[in-house]
Amino acid sequence: MGRRAAGLLPLVLLAACQGPQSTFAPAGLEAERVLGLFWVMLAGAVAIWLFVMAVSIYATRANSTTFSDKAGNRFILWGGVAFPVVVLTALLVFGLRLMPDFRAPADGPRIAVSGERFWWRVHYNAPDTPGVAKALSGEGVPSANEIWLPVNRRSELLLGSPDVIHSFWVPNIAGKTDTIPGRVNRLVVEPTRLGTFNGICAEFCGTAHAQMLFRVRVVTQEEFDARVAAEAAPATLLDHPGRLVFERSGCGACHAVRGTQSTGEVGPDLTHLAARLTLGAGILEMNPDNIARFVALTEHEKPGVEMPAFSMLPPEDIRQIADWLGNLR
């Protein structure tokens, strides 16, 4: 039984290297280059380790006689200076050769992403202007907690934050890049495979840090253009009773639903909430039942979130709000 378990262990480890949140299953040009760099660095580390082990075995077992000063100096020169310098220089040159690909100009869309406790503000068609205020909020086509990217296009992401340092990371597509208050960092990504991939905040930012997730959906250029056009349109179902309850309850002070009187900018834009895969920055599947739970038990579902719970509302009001939001596509 023990042998069988030991034999299955490598298969389990290999299975863990796949999936929508794994650096070992690259779906982007940068992730492919970084994975290649990892294997090269691993090979260099193994070569140094094998060399050290071989010398240790030779010195302690194969030839335990006393070495002359000349032999010792020669060993230090070749083994302690020449060999590490050659290996580390080769690794450095290999790594530097990757930089032009990572810094090449983008030929695709420009998308602003602002990390905020504890969610992600997204603006498509972001202007190429300096300053977090214009580049990361207020201009472009707003969305939240989900980013659509065209496949095989170099998209430029403008990353910033209004509160604390976060770290934007989609392991399958690209490496980590910090979102820093008062600064815009630029990340160029080129997805190479269609699919939906998980993104996370990789820098501790507060109580709900572990629940600050997002999704990246890599689609064709036609699907991307259609999605951005749909995001730019105002909300539908304006005569739904849930809209009146939403506005009467003060939700519009923090959330915007374009086409209505709700113009809040504190929280995520909800104009097309139901078109997203998840709710609460990736913690719940998007459906009316989960929307109702999140509205009524916000702190329970996501401890540390700044949105207050609305459990004081009658259940019927919460149901109507959730039904309306759950149909805004």
C-alpha atoms as a PDB file:
ATOM      1  CA  MET A   1       0.000   0.000   0.000  1.00  0.00           C
ATOM      2  CA  GLY A   2       2.827   2.352   0.881  1.00  0.00           C
ATOM      3  CA  ARG A   3       4.543   1.682  -2.461  1.00  0.00           C
ATOM      4  CA  ARG A   4       1.349   2.424  -4.341  1.00  0.00           C
ATOM      5  CA  ALA A   5       0.942   5.709  -2.492  1.00  0.00           C
ATOM      6  CA  ALA A   6       4.555   6.602  -3.224  1.00  0.00           C
ATOM      7  CA  GLY A   7       3.995   5.819  -6.898  1.00  0.00           C
ATOM      8  CA  LEU A   8       0.928   8.078  -7.039  1.00  0.00           C
ATOM      9  CA  LEU A   9       2.715  10.998  -5.399  1.00  0.00           C
ATOM     10  CA  PRO A  10       4.522  12.152  -8.584  1.00  0.00           C
ATOM     11  CA  LEU A  11       1.219  12.057 -10.485  1.00  0.00           C
ATOM     12  CA  VAL A  12      -0.446  14.195  -7.815  1.00  0.00           C
ATOM     13  CA  LEU A  13       2.414  16.694  -7.928  1.00  0.00           C
ATOM     14  CA  LEU A  14       2.258  16.870 -11.731  1.00  0.00           C
ATOM     15  CA  ALA A  15      -1.514  17.420 -11.629  1.00  0.00           C
ATOM     16  CA  ALA A  16      -0.981  20.359  -9.270  1.00  0.00           C
ATOM     17  CA  CYS A  17       1.151  22.046 -11.952  1.00  0.00           C
ATOM     18  CA  GLN A  18      -1.860  22.464 -14.252  1.00  0.00           C
ATOM     19  CA  GLY A  19      -4.993  24.581 -13.993  1.00  0.00           C
ATOM     20  CA  PRO A  20      -6.175  28.189 -14.297  1.00  0.00           C
ATOM     21  CA  GLN A  21      -3.734  29.514 -11.677  1.00  0.00           C
ATOM     22  CA  SER A  22      -0.394  27.842 -12.314  1.00  0.00           C
ATOM     23  CA  THR A  23       2.906  29.195 -13.564  1.00  0.00           C
ATOM     24  CA  PHE A  24       3.598  25.713 -14.981  1.00  0.00           C
ATOM     25  CA  ALA A  25       0.683  25.987 -17.426  1.00  0.00           C
ATOM     26  CA  PRO A  26       1.631  29.189 -19.300  1.00  0.00           C
ATOM     27  CA  ALA A  27      -0.995  30.914 -21.414  1.00  0.00           C
ATOM     28  CA  GLY A  28       0.944  34.084 -22.116  1.00  0.00           C
ATOM     29  CA  LEU A  29       4.238  35.095 -23.710  1.00  0.00           C
ATOM     30  CA  GLU A  30       5.749  36.456 -20.488  1.00  0.00           C
ATOM     31  CA  ALA A  31       4.681  33.395 -18.488  1.00  0.00           C
ATOM     32  CA  GLU A  32       6.333  31.156 -21.096  1.00  0.00           C
ATOM     33  CA  ARG A  33       9.572  33.152 -20.904  1.00  0.00           C
ATOM     34  CA  VAL A  34       9.547  33.178 -17.104  1.00  0.00           C
ATOM     35  CA  LEU A  35       8.959  29.423 -16.998  1.00  0.00           C
ATOM     36  CA  GLY A  36      11.883  28.914 -19.386  1.00  0.00           C
ATOM     37  CA  LEU A  37      14.044  31.109 -17.142  1.00  0.00           C
ATOM     38  CA  PHE A  38      13.000  29.009 -14.143  1.00  0.00           C
ATOM     39  CA  TRP A  39      14.099  25.765 -15.795  1.00  0.00           C
ATOM     40  CA  VAL A  40      17.417  27.276 -16.860  1.00  0.00           C
ATOM     41  CA  MET A  41      18.064  28.640 -13.356  1.00  0.00           C
ATOM     42  CA  LEU A  42      17.085  25.287 -11.876  1.00  0.00           C
ATOM     43  CA  ALA A  43      19.553  23.545 -14.192  1.00  0.00           C
ATOM     44  CA  GLY A  44      22.270  26.009 -13.138  1.00  0.00           C
ATOM     45  CA  ALA A  45      21.497  25.438  -9.453  1.00  0.00           C
ATOM     46  CA  VAL A  46      21.571  21.658  -9.929  1.00  0.00           C
ATOM     47  CA  ALA A  47      24.899  21.905 -11.771  1.00  0.00           C
ATOM     48  CA  ILE A  48      26.450  23.894  -8.915  1.00  0.00           C
ATOM     49  CA  TRP A  49      24.999  21.507  -6.335  1.00  0.00           C
ATOM     50  CA  LEU A  50      26.316  18.445  -8.166  1.00  0.00           C
ATOM     51  CA  PHE A  51      29.730  20.051  -8.469  1.00  0.00           C
ATOM     52  CA  VAL A  52      29.875  20.840  -4.745  1.00  0.00           C
ATOM     53  CA  MET A  53      28.696  17.338  -3.810  1.00  0.00           C
ATOM     54  CA  ALA A  54      31.238  15.739  -6.136  1.00  0.00           C
ATOM     55  CA  VAL A  55      34.095  17.780  -4.681  1.00  0.00           C
ATOM     56  CA  SER A  56      32.945  16.998  -1.143  1.00  0.00           C
ATOM     57  CA  ILE A  57      32.810  13.266  -1.831  1.00  0.00           C
ATOM     58  CA  TYR A  58      36.191  13.343  -3.549  1.00  0.00           C
ATOM     59  CA  ALA A  59      37.820  15.285  -0.725  1.00  0.00           C
ATOM     60  CA  THR A  60      36.357  13.248   2.139  1.00  0.00           C
ATOM     61  CA  ARG A  61      36.135   9.733   0.749  1.00  0.00           C
ATOM     62  CA  ALA A  62      37.753   9.179  -2.634  1.00  0.00           C
ATOM     63  CA  ASN A  63      40.958  10.982  -1.727  1.00  0.00           C
ATOM     64  CA  SER A  64      41.307  11.775   1.965  1.00  0.00           C
ATOM     65  CA  THR A  65      45.012  12.589   1.776  1.00  0.00           C
ATOM     66  CA  THR A  66      46.335  16.016   2.612  1.00  0.00           C
ATOM     67  CA  PHE A  67      46.385  18.463  -0.311  1.00  0.00           C
ATOM     68  CA  SER A  68      49.228  20.867  -0.963  1.00  0.00           C
ATOM     69  CA  ASP A  69      48.776  24.611  -0.761  1.00  0.00           C
ATOM     70  CA  LYS A  70      49.183  24.822  -4.512  1.00  0.00           C
ATOM     71  CA  ALA A  71      46.413  22.283  -5.110  1.00  0.00           C
ATOM     72  CA  GLY A  72      44.170  24.046  -2.602  1.00  0.00           C
ATOM     73  CA  ASN A  73      44.687  27.441  -4.235  1.00  0.00           C
ATOM     74  CA  ARG A  74      44.039  25.950  -7.662  1.00  0.00           C
ATOM     75  CA  PHE A  75      40.825  24.386  -6.415  1.00  0.00           C
ATOM     76  CA  ILE A  76      39.648  27.700  -4.895  1.00  0.00           C
ATOM     77  CA  LEU A  77      40.454  29.553  -8.126  1.00  0.00           C
ATOM     78  CA  TRP A  78      38.685  27.152 -10.469  1.00  0.00           C
ATOM     79  CA  GLY A  79      35.963  25.765  -8.213  1.00  0.00           C
ATOM     80  CA  GLY A  80      35.235  28.799  -6.054  1.00  0.00           C
ATOM     81  CA  VAL A  81      35.738  31.600  -8.581  1.00  0.00           C
ATOM     82  CA  ALA A  82      35.781  30.482 -12.204  1.00  0.00           C
ATOM     83  CA  PHE A  83      32.952  27.936 -12.108  1.00  0.00           C
ATOM     84  CA  PRO A  84      30.380  30.113 -10.236  1.00  0.00           C
ATOM     85  CA  VAL A  85      31.273  33.159 -12.335  1.00  0.00           C
ATOM     86  CA  VAL A  86      30.735  31.254 -15.588  1.00  0.00           C
ATOM     87  CA  VAL A  87      27.425  29.733 -14.450  1.00  0.00           C
ATOM     88  CA  LEU A  88      26.025  32.956 -12.937  1.00  0.00           C
ATOM     89  CA  THR A  89      27.133  35.034 -15.937  1.00  0.00           C
ATOM     90  CA  ALA A  90      25.408  32.613 -18.292  1.00  0.00           C
ATOM     91  CA  LEU A  91      22.213  32.858 -16.214  1.00  0.00           C
ATOM     92  CA  LEU A  92      22.431  36.672 -16.150  1.00  0.00           C
ATOM     93  CA  VAL A  93      22.897  36.916 -19.914  1.00  0.00           C
ATOM     94  CA  PHE A  94      20.014  34.519 -20.518  1.00  0.00           C
ATOM     95  CA  GLY A  95      17.747  36.566 -18.228  1.00  0.00           C
ATOM     96  CA  LEU A  96      18.697  39.922 -19.766  1.00  0.00           C
ATOM     97  CA  ARG A  97      17.954  38.606 -23.250  1.00  0.00           C
ATOM     98  CA  LEU A  98      14.318  38.186 -22.185  1.00  0.00           C
ATOM     99  CA  MET A  99      13.865  41.858 -21.306  1.00  0.00           C
ATOM    100  CA  PRO A 100      13.182  43.193 -24.852  1.00  0.00           C
ATOM    101  CA  ASP A 101      10.175  40.870 -25.180  1.00  0.00           C
ATOM    102  CA  PHE A 102       8.775  42.095 -21.856  1.00  0.00           C
ATOM    103  CA  ARG A 103       9.195  45.767 -22.784  1.00  0.00           C
ATOM    104  CA  ALA A 104       8.089  45.664 -26.420  1.00  0.00           C
ATOM    105  CA  PRO A 105       5.375  48.208 -27.350  1.00  0.00           C
ATOM    106  CA  ALA A 106       1.755  47.108 -27.100  1.00  0.00           C
ATOM    107  CA  ASP A 107      -0.372  46.787 -30.237  1.00  0.00           C
ATOM    108  CA  GLY A 108      -3.613  45.959 -28.454  1.00  0.00           C
ATOM    109  CA  PRO A 109      -5.958  47.703 -26.028  1.00  0.00           C
ATOM    110  CA  ARG A 110      -4.925  49.846 -23.058  1.00  0.00           C
ATOM    111  CA  ILE A 111      -6.672  48.858 -19.830  1.00  0.00           C
ATOM    112  CA  ALA A 112      -6.391  50.642 -16.476  1.00  0.00           C
ATOM    113  CA  VAL A 113      -6.568  48.457 -13.366  1.00  0.00           C
ATOM    114  CA  SER A 114      -6.722  49.959  -9.893  1.00  0.00           C
ATOM    115  CA  GLY A 115      -6.183  47.699  -6.873  1.00  0.00           C
ATOM    116  CA  GLU A 116      -8.473  48.858  -4.067  1.00  0.00           C
ATOM    117  CA  ARG A 117      -9.257  47.246  -0.735  1.00  0.00           C
ATOM    118  CA  PHE A 118     -10.453  44.652  -1.543  1.00  0.00           C
ATOM    119  CA  TRP A 119     -11.411  44.574  -5.228  1.00  0.00           C
ATOM    120  CA  TRP A 120     -10.163  45.632  -8.683  1.00  0.00           C
ATOM    121  CA  ARG A 121     -11.421  48.664 -10.610  1.00  0.00           C
ATOM    122  CA  VAL A 122     -11.121  48.195 -14.392  1.00  0.00           C
ATOM    123  CA  HIS A 123     -11.360  50.744 -17.227  1.00  0.00           C
ATOM    124  CA  TYR A 124     -11.123  49.701 -20.875  1.00  0.00           C
ATOM    125  CA  ASN A 125      -9.898  52.221 -23.479  1.00  0.00           C
ATOM    126  CA  ALA A 126      -7.950  54.023 -20.773  1.00  0.00           C
ATOM    127  CA  PRO A 127      -6.247  57.282 -21.814  1.00  0.00           C
ATOM    128  CA  ASP A 128      -2.472  57.349 -21.988  1.00  0.00           C
ATOM    129  CA  THR A 129      -2.134  60.227 -19.561  1.00  0.00           C
ATOM    130  CA  PRO A 130       0.098  60.533 -16.491  1.00  0.00           C
ATOM    131  CA  GLY A 131      -1.404  60.418 -13.034  1.00  0.00           C
ATOM    132  CA  VAL A 132      -3.519  57.836 -11.270  1.00  0.00           C
ATOM    133  CA  ALA A 133      -6.632  60.026 -11.203  1.00  0.00           C
ATOM    134  CA  LYS A 134      -7.113  60.124 -14.976  1.00  0.00           C
ATOM    135  CA  ALA A 135      -5.479  56.870 -15.984  1.00  0.00           C
ATOM    136  CA  LEU A 136      -7.129  54.660 -13.381  1.00  0.00           C
ATOM    137  CA  SER A 137     -10.576  56.139 -12.770  1.00  0.00           C
ATOM    138  CA  GLY A 138     -13.223  58.259 -14.375  1.00  0.00           C
ATOM    139  CA  GLU A 139     -12.241  57.766 -18.021  1.00  0.00           C
ATOM    140  CA  GLY A 140     -12.745  54.853 -20.355  1.00  0.00           C
ATOM    141  CA  VAL A 141     -15.290  52.042 -20.120  1.00  0.00           C
ATOM    142  CA  PRO A 142     -15.747  50.980 -16.462  1.00  0.00           C
ATOM    143  CA  SER A 143     -15.954  47.455 -15.119  1.00  0.00           C
ATOM    144  CA  ALA A 144     -14.639  45.563 -12.090  1.00  0.00           C
ATOM    145  CA  ASN A 145     -13.034  42.328 -10.914  1.00  0.00           C
ATOM    146  CA  GLU A 146     -12.846  40.817 -14.392  1.00  0.00           C
ATOM    147  CA  ILE A 147     -10.570  41.629 -17.325  1.00  0.00           C
ATOM    148  CA  TRP A 148     -11.150  40.596 -20.921  1.00  0.00           C
ATOM    149  CA  LEU A 149      -8.073  40.347 -23.156  1.00  0.00           C
ATOM    150  CA  PRO A 150      -7.749  39.559 -26.881  1.00  0.00           C
ATOM    151  CA  VAL A 151      -5.622  36.524 -27.666  1.00  0.00           C
ATOM    152  CA  ASN A 152      -2.271  37.000 -29.447  1.00  0.00           C
ATOM    153  CA  ARG A 153      -2.370  40.786 -28.941  1.00  0.00           C
ATOM    154  CA  ARG A 154      -0.031  42.784 -26.729  1.00  0.00           C
ATOM    155  CA  SER A 155      -2.328  44.573 -24.283  1.00  0.00           C
ATOM    156  CA  GLU A 156      -1.016  47.326 -22.012  1.00  0.00           C
ATOM    157  CA  LEU A 157      -2.213  47.366 -18.409  1.00  0.00           C
ATOM    158  CA  LEU A 158      -1.870  50.579 -16.391  1.00  0.00           C
ATOM    159  CA  LEU A 159      -1.651  49.541 -12.737  1.00  0.00           C
ATOM    160  CA  GLY A 160      -2.115  51.761  -9.689  1.00  0.00           C
ATOM    161  CA  SER A 161      -3.872  52.072  -6.343  1.00  0.00           C
ATOM    162  CA  PRO A 162      -5.509  54.821  -4.244  1.00  0.00           C
ATOM    163  CA  ASP A 163      -4.915  53.215  -0.838  1.00  0.00           C
ATOM    164  CA  VAL A 164      -2.091  50.709  -0.179  1.00  0.00           C
ATOM    165  CA  ILE A 165       0.329  48.599  -2.211  1.00  0.00           C
ATOM    166  CA  HIS A 166      -1.276  45.607  -3.916  1.00  0.00           C
ATOM    167  CA  SER A 167       0.299  43.173  -6.365  1.00  0.00           C
ATOM    168  CA  PHE A 168      -1.392  42.234  -9.637  1.00  0.00           C
ATOM    169  CA  TRP A 169      -0.641  38.623 -10.605  1.00  0.00           C
ATOM    170  CA  VAL A 170      -2.108  36.251 -13.190  1.00  0.00           C
ATOM    171  CA  PRO A 171       0.293  33.278 -12.929  1.00  0.00           C
ATOM    172  CA  ASN A 172      -0.667  31.714 -16.261  1.00  0.00           C
ATOM    173  CA  ILE A 173      -0.169  34.931 -18.233  1.00  0.00           C
ATOM    174  CA  ALA A 174       2.504  37.145 -16.642  1.00  0.00           C
ATOM    175  CA  GLY A 175       4.589  37.843 -13.569  1.00  0.00           C
ATOM    176  CA  LYS A 176       3.673  40.012 -10.587  1.00  0.00           C
ATOM    177  CA  THR A 177       3.528  43.801 -10.816  1.00  0.00           C
ATOM    178  CA  ASP A 178       2.840  46.044  -7.815  1.00  0.00           C
ATOM    179  CA  THR A 179       0.055  48.611  -7.810  1.00  0.00           C
ATOM    180  CA  ILE A 180       1.476  51.551  -5.848  1.00  0.00           C
ATOM    181  CA  PRO A 181      -0.391  54.658  -4.608  1.00  0.00           C
ATOM    182  CA  GLY A 182       0.576  57.756  -6.571  1.00  0.00           C
ATOM    183  CA  ARG A 183       2.268  55.824  -9.353  1.00  0.00           C
ATOM    184  CA  VAL A 184       1.259  54.070 -12.584  1.00  0.00           C
ATOM    185  CA  ASN A 185       3.152  50.871 -13.411  1.00  0.00           C
ATOM    186  CA  ARG A 186       2.849  49.512 -16.929  1.00  0.00           C
ATOM    187  CA  LEU A 187       2.565  45.821 -17.698  1.00  0.00           C
ATOM    188  CA  VAL A 188       2.405  44.521 -21.276  1.00  0.00           C
ATOM    189  CA  VAL A 189       0.824  41.065 -21.600  1.00  0.00           C
ATOM    190  CA  GLU A 190       0.337  38.858 -24.625  1.00  0.00           C
ATOM    191  CA  PRO A 191      -2.057  35.944 -23.980  1.00  0.00           C
ATOM    192  CA  THR A 192      -1.391  32.986 -26.252  1.00  0.00           C
ATOM    193  CA  ARG A 193      -4.236  30.671 -25.303  1.00  0.00           C
ATOM    194  CA  LEU A 194      -8.005  31.119 -25.034  1.00  0.00           C
ATOM    195  CA  GLY A 195      -9.582  30.484 -21.661  1.00  0.00           C
ATOM    196  CA  THR A 196     -10.416  31.857 -18.233  1.00  0.00           C
ATOM    197  CA  PHE A 197      -7.595  32.306 -15.734  1.00  0.00           C
ATOM    198  CA  ASN A 198      -7.440  33.243 -12.075  1.00  0.00           C
ATOM    199  CA  GLY A 199      -5.731  36.390 -10.839  1.00  0.00           C
ATOM    200  CA  ILE A 200      -4.854  37.304  -7.270  1.00  0.00           C
ATOM    201  CA  CYS A 201      -3.442  40.068  -5.131  1.00  0.00           C
ATOM    202  CA  ALA A 202       0.045  38.824  -4.241  1.00  0.00           C
ATOM    203  CA  GLU A 203       0.890  41.547  -1.684  1.00  0.00           C
ATOM    204  CA  PHE A 204      -0.676  41.518   1.802  1.00  0.00           C
ATOM    205  CA  CYS A 205      -2.997  44.520   1.900  1.00  0.00           C
ATOM    206  CA  GLY A 206      -5.324  43.972   4.844  1.00  0.00           C
ATOM    207  CA  THR A 207      -7.967  41.718   6.352  1.00  0.00           C
ATOM    208  CA  ALA A 208      -9.578  40.512   3.104  1.00  0.00           C
ATOM    209  CA  HIS A 209      -6.318  40.220   1.157  1.00  0.00           C
ATOM    210  CA  ALA A 210      -6.821  36.485   0.521  1.00  0.00           C
ATOM    211  CA  GLN A 211     -10.250  37.242  -0.973  1.00  0.00           C
ATOM    212  CA  MET A 212      -9.048  39.925  -3.386  1.00  0.00           C
ATOM    213  CA  LEU A 213      -9.323  37.811  -6.521  1.00  0.00           C
ATOM    214  CA  PHE A 214     -10.256  38.440 -10.140  1.00  0.00           C
ATOM    215  CA  ARG A 215     -10.718  36.611 -13.436  1.00  0.00           C
ATOM    216  CA  VAL A 216      -8.997  37.140 -16.771  1.00  0.00           C
ATOM    217  CA  ARG A 217     -10.936  35.969 -19.822  1.00  0.00           C
ATOM    218  CA  VAL A 218      -8.843  35.557 -22.968  1.00  0.00           C
ATOM    219  CA  VAL A 219     -11.040  35.686 -26.074  1.00  0.00           C
ATOM    220  CA  THR A 220     -10.828  36.443 -29.772  1.00  0.00           C
ATOM    221  CA  GLN A 221     -10.508  40.061 -30.941  1.00  0.00           C
ATOM    222  CA  GLU A 222     -14.130  40.016 -32.130  1.00  0.00           C
ATOM    223  CA  GLU A 223     -15.391  38.794 -28.755  1.00  0.00           C
ATOM    224  CA  PHE A 224     -13.270  41.380 -26.967  1.00  0.00           C
ATOM    225  CA  ASP A 225     -14.640  44.243 -29.071  1.00  0.00           C
ATOM    226  CA  ALA A 226     -18.202  43.021 -28.487  1.00  0.00           C
ATOM    227  CA  ARG A 227     -17.646  42.803 -24.724  1.00  0.00           C
ATOM    228  CA  VAL A 228     -16.208  46.317 -24.470  1.00  0.00           C
ATOM    229  CA  ALA A 229     -19.087  47.687 -26.546  1.00  0.00           C
ATOM    230  CA  ALA A 230     -21.554  45.925 -24.254  1.00  0.00           C
ATOM    231  CA  GLU A 231     -19.790  47.274 -21.156  1.00  0.00           C
ATOM    232  CA  ALA A 232     -20.033  50.812 -22.553  1.00  0.00           C
ATOM    233  CA  ALA A 233     -23.822  50.592 -22.917  1.00  0.00           C
ATOM    234  CA  PRO A 234     -26.145  51.745 -20.087  1.00  0.00           C
ATOM    235  CA  ALA A 235     -28.047  49.320 -17.904  1.00  0.00           C
ATOM    236  CA  THR A 236     -31.247  47.618 -19.002  1.00  0.00           C
ATOM    237  CA  LEU A 237     -34.374  46.580 -17.049  1.00  0.00           C
ATOM    238  CA  LEU A 238     -34.810  50.118 -15.752  1.00  0.00           C
ATOM    239  CA  ASP A 239     -38.468  49.482 -14.887  1.00  0.00           C
ATOM    240  CA  HIS A 240     -37.628  46.531 -12.611  1.00  0.00           C
ATOM    241  CA  PRO A 241     -38.881  47.006  -9.014  1.00  0.00           C
ATOM    242  CA  GLY A 242     -35.430  46.078  -7.755  1.00  0.00           C
ATOM    243  CA  ARG A 243     -34.044  49.283  -9.220  1.00  0.00           C
ATOM    244  CA  LEU A 244     -36.343  51.406  -7.064  1.00  0.00           C
ATOM    245  CA  VAL A 245     -35.377  49.457  -3.935  1.00  0.00           C
ATOM    246  CA  PHE A 246     -31.683  49.742  -4.863  1.00  0.00           C
ATOM    247  CA  GLU A 247     -31.906  53.527  -5.148  1.00  0.00           C
ATOM    248  CA  ARG A 248     -34.197  53.968  -2.142  1.00  0.00           C
ATOM    249  CA  SER A 249     -31.802  51.974   0.052  1.00  0.00           C
ATOM    250  CA  GLY A 250     -28.867  54.251  -0.740  1.00  0.00           C
ATOM    251  CA  CYS A 251     -26.835  51.699  -2.726  1.00  0.00           C
ATOM    252  CA  GLY A 252     -26.253  54.295  -5.441  1.00  0.00           C
ATOM    253  CA  ALA A 253     -24.137  56.388  -3.073  1.00  0.00           C
ATOM    254  CA  CYS A 254     -21.296  53.862  -3.492  1.00  0.00           C
ATOM    255  CA  HIS A 255     -22.134  52.004  -6.710  1.00  0.00           C
ATOM    256  CA  ALA A 256     -22.785  53.242 -10.223  1.00  0.00           C
ATOM    257  CA  VAL A 257     -25.400  51.747 -12.517  1.00  0.00           C
ATOM    258  CA  ARG A 258     -25.115  53.780 -15.688  1.00  0.00           C
ATOM    259  CA  GLY A 259     -28.456  54.899 -17.081  1.00  0.00           C
ATOM    260  CA  THR A 260     -29.916  55.355 -13.582  1.00  0.00           C
ATOM    261  CA  GLN A 261     -29.572  57.886 -10.778  1.00  0.00           C
ATOM    262  CA  SER A 262     -26.912  55.692  -9.113  1.00  0.00           C
ATOM    263  CA  THR A 263     -23.542  57.322  -9.780  1.00  0.00           C
ATOM    264  CA  GLY A 264     -21.405  56.271  -6.803  1.00  0.00           C
ATOM    265  CA  GLU A 265     -17.690  55.723  -7.338  1.00  0.00           C
ATOM    266  CA  VAL A 266     -16.648  54.210  -3.987  1.00  0.00           C
ATOM    267  CA  GLY A 267     -17.454  50.623  -4.945  1.00  0.00           C
ATOM    268  CA  PRO A 268     -17.503  48.559  -8.140  1.00  0.00           C
ATOM    269  CA  ASP A 269     -19.551  49.631 -11.152  1.00  0.00           C
ATOM    270  CA  LEU A 270     -22.601  47.340 -11.290  1.00  0.00           C
ATOM    271  CA  THR A 271     -23.992  48.319 -14.701  1.00  0.00           C
ATOM    272  CA  HIS A 272     -23.365  44.854 -16.157  1.00  0.00           C
ATOM    273  CA  LEU A 273     -22.759  42.884 -12.971  1.00  0.00           C
ATOM    274  CA  ALA A 274     -24.463  39.683 -14.150  1.00  0.00           C
ATOM    275  CA  ALA A 275     -22.114  39.383 -17.141  1.00  0.00           C
ATOM    276  CA  ARG A 276     -19.228  38.618 -14.770  1.00  0.00           C
ATOM    277  CA  LEU A 277     -18.381  35.127 -13.625  1.00  0.00           C
ATOM    278  CA  THR A 278     -17.991  35.916  -9.945  1.00  0.00           C
ATOM    279  CA  LEU A 279     -19.209  38.203  -7.187  1.00  0.00           C
ATOM    280  CA  GLY A 280     -17.307  39.947  -4.387  1.00  0.00           C
ATOM    281  CA  ALA A 281     -13.977  39.988  -6.249  1.00  0.00           C
ATOM    282  CA  GLY A 282     -13.910  36.321  -7.095  1.00  0.00           C
ATOM    283  CA  ILE A 283     -15.256  34.725  -3.909  1.00  0.00           C
ATOM    284  CA  LEU A 284     -18.774  33.691  -5.015  1.00  0.00           C
ATOM    285  CA  GLU A 285     -20.345  32.381  -8.208  1.00  0.00           C
ATOM    286  CA  MET A 286     -22.475  35.012  -9.904  1.00  0.00           C
ATOM    287  CA  ASN A 287     -26.190  34.319  -9.403  1.00  0.00           C
ATOM    288  CA  PRO A 288     -29.133  36.092  -7.690  1.00  0.00           C
ATOM    289  CA  ASP A 289     -28.983  33.850  -4.603  1.00  0.00           C
ATOM    290  CA  ASN A 290     -25.342  34.741  -3.936  1.00  0.00           C
ATOM    291  CA  ILE A 291     -26.031  38.415  -4.613  1.00  0.00           C
ATOM    292  CA  ALA A 292     -28.762  38.332  -1.952  1.00  0.00           C
ATOM    293  CA  ARG A 293     -26.391  36.631   0.504  1.00  0.00           C
ATOM    294  CA  PHE A 294     -23.658  39.171  -0.151  1.00  0.00           C
ATOM    295  CA  VAL A 295     -26.008  42.142   0.268  1.00  0.00           C
ATOM    296  CA  ALA A 296     -27.480  40.842   3.527  1.00  0.00           C
ATOM    297  CA  LEU A 297     -24.373  39.238   5.070  1.00  0.00           C
ATOM    298  CA  THR A 298     -21.490  41.178   3.556  1.00  0.00           C
ATOM    299  CA  GLU A 299     -19.129  41.033   6.546  1.00  0.00           C
ATOM    300  CA  HIS A 300     -19.850  37.316   7.013  1.00  0.00           C
ATOM    301  CA  GLU A 301     -19.071  36.487   3.372  1.00  0.00           C
ATOM    302  CA  LYS A 302     -16.005  38.743   3.163  1.00  0.00           C
ATOM    303  CA  PRO A 303     -14.609  39.849   6.538  1.00  0.00           C
ATOM    304  CA  GLY A 304     -12.863  43.217   6.364  1.00  0.00           C
ATOM    305  CA  VAL A 305     -14.734  44.495   3.320  1.00  0.00           C
ATOM    306  CA  GLU A 306     -15.731  48.161   3.555  1.00  0.00           C
ATOM    307  CA  MET A 307     -19.263  47.612   2.233  1.00  0.00           C
ATOM    308  CA  PRO A 308     -21.805  47.536   5.103  1.00  0.00           C
ATOM    309  CA  ALA A 309     -24.281  44.677   5.400  1.00  0.00           C
ATOM    310  CA  PHE A 310     -27.924  45.431   4.615  1.00  0.00           C
ATOM    311  CA  SER A 311     -29.489  42.732   6.754  1.00  0.00           C
ATOM    312  CA  MET A 312     -31.877  45.353   8.163  1.00  0.00           C
ATOM    313  CA  LEU A 313     -33.766  45.429   4.848  1.00  0.00           C
ATOM    314  CA  PRO A 314     -36.871  43.258   4.496  1.00  0.00           C
ATOM    315  CA  PRO A 315     -36.087  39.916   2.777  1.00  0.00           C
ATOM    316  CA  GLU A 316     -38.389  40.855  -0.102  1.00  0.00           C
ATOM    317  CA  ASP A 317     -36.404  44.044  -0.753  1.00  0.00           C
ATOM    318  CA  ILE A 318     -33.124  42.120  -0.772  1.00  0.00           C
ATOM    319  CA  ARG A 319     -34.623  39.563  -3.145  1.00  0.00           C
ATOM    320  CA  GLN A 320     -35.760  42.280  -5.564  1.00  0.00           C
ATOM    321  CA  ILE A 321     -32.357  43.987  -5.518  1.00  0.00           C
ATOM    322  CA  ALA A 322     -30.621  40.661  -6.143  1.00  0.00           C
ATOM    323  CA  ASP A 323     -33.029  39.739  -8.939  1.00  0.00           C
ATOM    324  CA  TRP A 324     -32.431  43.074 -10.689  1.00  0.00           C
ATOM    325  CA  LEU A 325     -28.648  43.035 -10.328  1.00  0.00           C
ATOM    326  CA  GLY A 326     -28.580  39.349 -11.291  1.00  0.00           C
ATOM    327  CA  ASN A 327     -30.075  40.197 -14.678  1.00  0.00           C
ATOM    328  CA  LEU A 328     -27.914  43.225 -15.577  1.00  0.00           C
ATOM    329  CA  ARG A 329     -25.887  41.871 -18.475  1.00  0.00           C
END
